[in-house]
Amino acid sequence: MAEGLFPAEVASDVPRITMTGADTVHVEQHKGLVAYQEEEVAFRTSRGIVKVQGSGLRFKLYTAGEAVLTGNVRGVTMEGNGGRGA
């Protein structure tokens, strides 16, 4: 396959996080759920742990590599060292 045909987040293992307004977060390329509460949801990714903070957080969609959360989203953070022990 020729390089450069696809964006990095599609061709590699880089997570992609999209926030729409203050009520929807779409996480792509996650490696699994680390924690789930209505106030905080955490995902393992190749770049560390992605945390979504808010209230009333619920899954609209959850698959092996993709998740959509809805609720009152207050913030999204990334912590860790590329998934190596994060």
C-alpha atoms as a PDB file:
ATOM      1  CA  MET A   1       0.000   0.000   0.000  1.00  0.00           C
ATOM      2  CA  ALA A   2       1.338   3.455  -0.862  1.00  0.00           C
ATOM      3  CA  GLU A   3       2.273   5.651   2.079  1.00  0.00           C
ATOM      4  CA  GLY A   4       0.551   8.976   2.484  1.00  0.00           C
ATOM      5  CA  LEU A   5      -2.835   7.853   1.181  1.00  0.00           C
ATOM      6  CA  PHE A   6      -4.473   7.855   4.600  1.00  0.00           C
ATOM      7  CA  PRO A   7      -4.295  10.249   7.565  1.00  0.00           C
ATOM      8  CA  ALA A   8      -2.020   9.121  10.436  1.00  0.00           C
ATOM      9  CA  GLU A   9      -4.945   8.378  12.753  1.00  0.00           C
ATOM     10  CA  VAL A  10      -6.390   5.950  10.202  1.00  0.00           C
ATOM     11  CA  ALA A  11      -3.180   4.245   9.093  1.00  0.00           C
ATOM     12  CA  SER A  12      -1.632   3.967  12.564  1.00  0.00           C
ATOM     13  CA  ASP A  13      -2.654   3.245  16.113  1.00  0.00           C
ATOM     14  CA  VAL A  14      -3.019   6.908  17.115  1.00  0.00           C
ATOM     15  CA  PRO A  15      -6.222   7.612  19.081  1.00  0.00           C
ATOM     16  CA  ARG A  16      -8.661  10.166  17.737  1.00  0.00           C
ATOM     17  CA  ILE A  17     -10.929  12.026  20.154  1.00  0.00           C
ATOM     18  CA  THR A  18     -13.715  14.258  18.851  1.00  0.00           C
ATOM     19  CA  MET A  19     -15.897  16.390  21.111  1.00  0.00           C
ATOM     20  CA  THR A  20     -19.144  17.765  19.707  1.00  0.00           C
ATOM     21  CA  GLY A  21     -20.572  20.545  21.834  1.00  0.00           C
ATOM     22  CA  ALA A  22     -20.583  19.789  25.550  1.00  0.00           C
ATOM     23  CA  ASP A  23     -22.591  16.596  25.321  1.00  0.00           C
ATOM     24  CA  THR A  24     -20.862  14.090  23.007  1.00  0.00           C
ATOM     25  CA  VAL A  25     -17.349  12.593  22.882  1.00  0.00           C
ATOM     26  CA  HIS A  26     -16.259  10.121  20.185  1.00  0.00           C
ATOM     27  CA  VAL A  27     -13.136   8.059  20.996  1.00  0.00           C
ATOM     28  CA  GLU A  28     -11.584   6.040  18.168  1.00  0.00           C
ATOM     29  CA  GLN A  29      -8.652   3.578  18.311  1.00  0.00           C
ATOM     30  CA  HIS A  30      -9.053   2.796  22.038  1.00  0.00           C
ATOM     31  CA  LYS A  31      -7.659  -0.436  23.529  1.00  0.00           C
ATOM     32  CA  GLY A  32     -10.361  -1.022  26.114  1.00  0.00           C
ATOM     33  CA  LEU A  33     -12.171   0.466  29.048  1.00  0.00           C
ATOM     34  CA  VAL A  34     -10.126   1.160  32.194  1.00  0.00           C
ATOM     35  CA  ALA A  35     -12.897   2.663  34.366  1.00  0.00           C
ATOM     36  CA  TYR A  36     -16.541   3.626  34.036  1.00  0.00           C
ATOM     37  CA  GLN A  37     -18.607   5.845  36.315  1.00  0.00           C
ATOM     38  CA  GLU A  38     -21.237   8.436  35.455  1.00  0.00           C
ATOM     39  CA  GLU A  39     -18.669  11.141  36.372  1.00  0.00           C
ATOM     40  CA  GLU A  40     -15.580   9.711  34.632  1.00  0.00           C
ATOM     41  CA  VAL A  41     -14.848   7.200  31.871  1.00  0.00           C
ATOM     42  CA  ALA A  42     -11.265   6.123  31.121  1.00  0.00           C
ATOM     43  CA  PHE A  43      -9.933   4.333  28.025  1.00  0.00           C
ATOM     44  CA  ARG A  44      -6.538   2.736  27.374  1.00  0.00           C
ATOM     45  CA  THR A  45      -4.932   3.899  24.114  1.00  0.00           C
ATOM     46  CA  SER A  46      -1.557   3.497  22.428  1.00  0.00           C
ATOM     47  CA  ARG A  47      -0.637   6.972  23.724  1.00  0.00           C
ATOM     48  CA  GLY A  48      -1.841   6.614  27.320  1.00  0.00           C
ATOM     49  CA  ILE A  49      -5.105   6.869  29.206  1.00  0.00           C
ATOM     50  CA  VAL A  50      -7.894   9.089  27.862  1.00  0.00           C
ATOM     51  CA  LYS A  51     -10.276  10.319  30.570  1.00  0.00           C
ATOM     52  CA  VAL A  52     -13.647  11.912  29.930  1.00  0.00           C
ATOM     53  CA  GLN A  53     -15.029  13.857  32.907  1.00  0.00           C
ATOM     54  CA  GLY A  54     -18.580  15.061  33.351  1.00  0.00           C
ATOM     55  CA  SER A  55     -21.932  14.023  34.765  1.00  0.00           C
ATOM     56  CA  GLY A  56     -24.537  11.572  33.548  1.00  0.00           C
ATOM     57  CA  LEU A  57     -22.047   9.993  31.136  1.00  0.00           C
ATOM     58  CA  ARG A  58     -23.494   7.079  29.149  1.00  0.00           C
ATOM     59  CA  PHE A  59     -22.407   5.015  26.193  1.00  0.00           C
ATOM     60  CA  LYS A  60     -24.309   5.634  22.990  1.00  0.00           C
ATOM     61  CA  LEU A  61     -21.927   3.211  21.204  1.00  0.00           C
ATOM     62  CA  TYR A  62     -19.156   0.897  22.390  1.00  0.00           C
ATOM     63  CA  THR A  63     -17.154  -1.466  20.176  1.00  0.00           C
ATOM     64  CA  ALA A  64     -13.678  -3.008  20.368  1.00  0.00           C
ATOM     65  CA  GLY A  65     -12.035   0.172  19.051  1.00  0.00           C
ATOM     66  CA  GLU A  66     -14.651   2.912  19.111  1.00  0.00           C
ATOM     67  CA  ALA A  67     -16.893   4.554  21.704  1.00  0.00           C
ATOM     68  CA  VAL A  68     -19.397   7.407  21.765  1.00  0.00           C
ATOM     69  CA  LEU A  69     -20.288   8.945  25.136  1.00  0.00           C
ATOM     70  CA  THR A  70     -23.136  11.331  25.824  1.00  0.00           C
ATOM     71  CA  GLY A  71     -23.915  13.414  28.893  1.00  0.00           C
ATOM     72  CA  ASN A  72     -22.708  16.676  30.384  1.00  0.00           C
ATOM     73  CA  VAL A  73     -19.025  16.624  29.360  1.00  0.00           C
ATOM     74  CA  ARG A  74     -16.757  18.920  31.390  1.00  0.00           C
ATOM     75  CA  GLY A  75     -13.407  17.847  29.989  1.00  0.00           C
ATOM     76  CA  VAL A  76     -11.211  15.330  28.200  1.00  0.00           C
ATOM     77  CA  THR A  77      -7.629  14.630  29.270  1.00  0.00           C
ATOM     78  CA  MET A  78      -4.826  12.288  28.220  1.00  0.00           C
ATOM     79  CA  GLU A  79      -2.351  10.851  30.707  1.00  0.00           C
ATOM     80  CA  GLY A  80       0.434   8.337  30.391  1.00  0.00           C
ATOM     81  CA  ASN A  81       3.419   7.230  28.441  1.00  0.00           C
ATOM     82  CA  GLY A  82       2.177   5.768  25.206  1.00  0.00           C
ATOM     83  CA  GLY A  83       0.406   2.801  26.756  1.00  0.00           C
ATOM     84  CA  ARG A  84       3.620   1.317  28.189  1.00  0.00           C
ATOM     85  CA  GLY A  85       2.529   0.799  31.755  1.00  0.00           C
ATOM     86  CA  ALA A  86      -0.037   3.589  31.700  1.00  0.00           C
END
